[in-house]
C-alpha atoms as a PDB file:
ATOM      1  CA  MET A   1     -21.945   1.137 -17.019  1.00  0.00           C
ATOM      2  CA  GLU A   2     -18.627  -0.463 -17.912  1.00  0.00           C
ATOM      3  CA  MET A   3     -16.834   2.851 -17.295  1.00  0.00           C
ATOM      4  CA  LYS A   4     -17.938   2.783 -13.657  1.00  0.00           C
ATOM      5  CA  SER A   5     -16.405  -0.650 -13.064  1.00  0.00           C
ATOM      6  CA  THR A   6     -13.252   0.416 -14.921  1.00  0.00           C
ATOM      7  CA  VAL A   7     -12.764   3.505 -12.767  1.00  0.00           C
ATOM      8  CA  LEU A   8     -13.578   1.606  -9.574  1.00  0.00           C
ATOM      9  CA  GLY A   9     -11.176  -1.194 -10.493  1.00  0.00           C
ATOM     10  CA  ALA A  10      -8.429   1.293 -11.343  1.00  0.00           C
ATOM     11  CA  GLY A  11      -8.871   3.089  -8.046  1.00  0.00           C
ATOM     12  CA  VAL A  12      -8.917  -0.065  -5.967  1.00  0.00           C
ATOM     13  CA  GLY A  13      -5.943  -1.522  -7.835  1.00  0.00           C
ATOM     14  CA  ALA A  14      -3.893   1.662  -7.460  1.00  0.00           C
ATOM     15  CA  VAL A  15      -4.595   1.883  -3.738  1.00  0.00           C
ATOM     16  CA  LEU A  16      -3.821  -1.786  -3.115  1.00  0.00           C
ATOM     17  CA  PHE A  17      -0.587  -1.771  -5.095  1.00  0.00           C
ATOM     18  CA  ALA A  18       0.520   1.510  -3.473  1.00  0.00           C
ATOM     19  CA  ALA A  19      -0.202   0.023  -0.038  1.00  0.00           C
ATOM     20  CA  VAL A  20       1.935  -3.005  -0.896  1.00  0.00           C
ATOM     21  CA  GLY A  21       4.716  -0.688  -2.072  1.00  0.00           C
ATOM     22  CA  LEU A  22       4.551   1.346   1.142  1.00  0.00           C
ATOM     23  CA  TYR A  23       4.570  -1.837   3.209  1.00  0.00           C
ATOM     24  CA  ARG A  24       7.600  -3.217   1.374  1.00  0.00           C
ATOM     25  CA  SER A  25       9.387   0.113   1.810  1.00  0.00           C
ATOM     26  CA  ALA A  26       8.730  -0.012   5.549  1.00  0.00           C
ATOM     27  CA  VAL A  27       9.879  -3.647   5.801  1.00  0.00           C
ATOM     28  CA  VAL A  28      13.238  -2.842   4.225  1.00  0.00           C
ATOM     29  CA  GLY A  29      14.023  -0.653   7.210  1.00  0.00           C
ATOM     30  CA  SER A  30      13.515   2.821   5.847  1.00  0.00           C
ATOM     31  CA  GLY A  31      10.399   4.876   6.384  1.00  0.00           C
ATOM     32  CA  PRO A  32       7.325   4.048   4.322  1.00  0.00           C
ATOM     33  CA  PHE A  33       7.665   7.308   2.346  1.00  0.00           C
ATOM     34  CA  ALA A  34      11.429   7.098   1.742  1.00  0.00           C
ATOM     35  CA  HIS A  35      11.041   5.469  -1.688  1.00  0.00           C
ATOM     36  CA  LEU A  36       8.158   7.292  -3.363  1.00  0.00           C
ATOM     37  CA  GLU A  37       9.225   6.586  -6.954  1.00  0.00           C
ATOM     38  CA  PRO A  38       8.805   2.790  -6.713  1.00  0.00           C
ATOM     39  CA  VAL A  39       5.570   3.249  -4.764  1.00  0.00           C
ATOM     40  CA  ALA A  40       4.217   5.530  -7.483  1.00  0.00           C
ATOM     41  CA  PHE A  41       5.319   2.996 -10.101  1.00  0.00           C
ATOM     42  CA  PHE A  42       3.439   0.254  -8.239  1.00  0.00           C
ATOM     43  CA  ALA A  43       0.367   2.514  -8.051  1.00  0.00           C
ATOM     44  CA  VAL A  44       0.420   3.074 -11.822  1.00  0.00           C
ATOM     45  CA  ILE A  45       0.731  -0.663 -12.461  1.00  0.00           C
ATOM     46  CA  GLY A  46      -2.080  -1.355  -9.977  1.00  0.00           C
ATOM     47  CA  GLY A  47      -4.320   1.214 -11.616  1.00  0.00           C
ATOM     48  CA  THR A  48      -3.720  -0.303 -15.028  1.00  0.00           C
ATOM     49  CA  VAL A  49      -4.321  -3.859 -13.880  1.00  0.00           C
ATOM     50  CA  GLY A  50      -7.367  -2.847 -11.845  1.00  0.00           C
ATOM     51  CA  GLY A  51      -8.830  -0.880 -14.733  1.00  0.00           C
ATOM     52  CA  LEU A  52      -8.524  -3.879 -17.012  1.00  0.00           C
ATOM     53  CA  ALA A  53      -9.740  -6.404 -14.460  1.00  0.00           C
ATOM     54  CA  GLY A  54     -12.671  -4.337 -13.116  1.00  0.00           C
ATOM     55  CA  PRO A  55     -15.110  -5.000 -15.978  1.00  0.00           C
ATOM     56  CA  LEU A  56     -13.993  -8.622 -16.146  1.00  0.00           C
ATOM     57  CA  ALA A  57     -14.675  -9.156 -12.438  1.00  0.00           C
ATOM     58  CA  ARG A  58     -18.022  -7.366 -12.726  1.00  0.00           C
ATOM     59  CA  GLY A  59     -19.078  -9.630 -15.585  1.00  0.00           C
ATOM     60  CA  ILE A  60     -18.059 -12.740 -13.684  1.00  0.00           C
ATOM     61  CA  LEU A  61     -19.968 -11.630 -10.581  1.00  0.00           C
ATOM     62  CA  ARG A  62     -23.062 -10.816 -12.628  1.00  0.00           C
ATOM     63  CA  ARG A  63     -22.945 -14.209 -14.316  1.00  0.00           C
ATOM     64  CA  TRP A  64     -22.541 -16.037 -10.980  1.00  0.00           C
ATOM     65  CA  SER A  65     -25.420 -14.099  -9.442  1.00  0.00           C
ATOM     66  CA  GLY A  66     -27.680 -14.942 -12.386  1.00  0.00           C
ATOM     67  CA  LYS A  67     -28.218 -11.319 -13.464  1.00  0.00           C
ATOM     68  CA  GLY A  68     -26.172 -11.591 -16.648  1.00  0.00           C
ATOM     69  CA  ASP A  69     -27.088 -13.111 -19.971  1.00  0.00           C
ATOM     70  CA  SER A  70     -26.335 -16.797 -20.316  1.00  0.00           C
ATOM     71  CA  ALA A  71     -24.090 -17.489 -23.276  1.00  0.00           C
END
């Protein structure tokens, strides 16, 4: 079950960080796809962070909802 939250977190993190990278590329004045290397780098960082934070966030949400074990 933890693998599901890891994969989901990695996917969401990669998409969010890539979207931020594309936005920042567009704000600079060039097209959103003019700087793909930094955007890909942001996506890799986002996937890593999301993959690590996914199970943590799932555990916190389960504890707040009362479905987790009380430690």
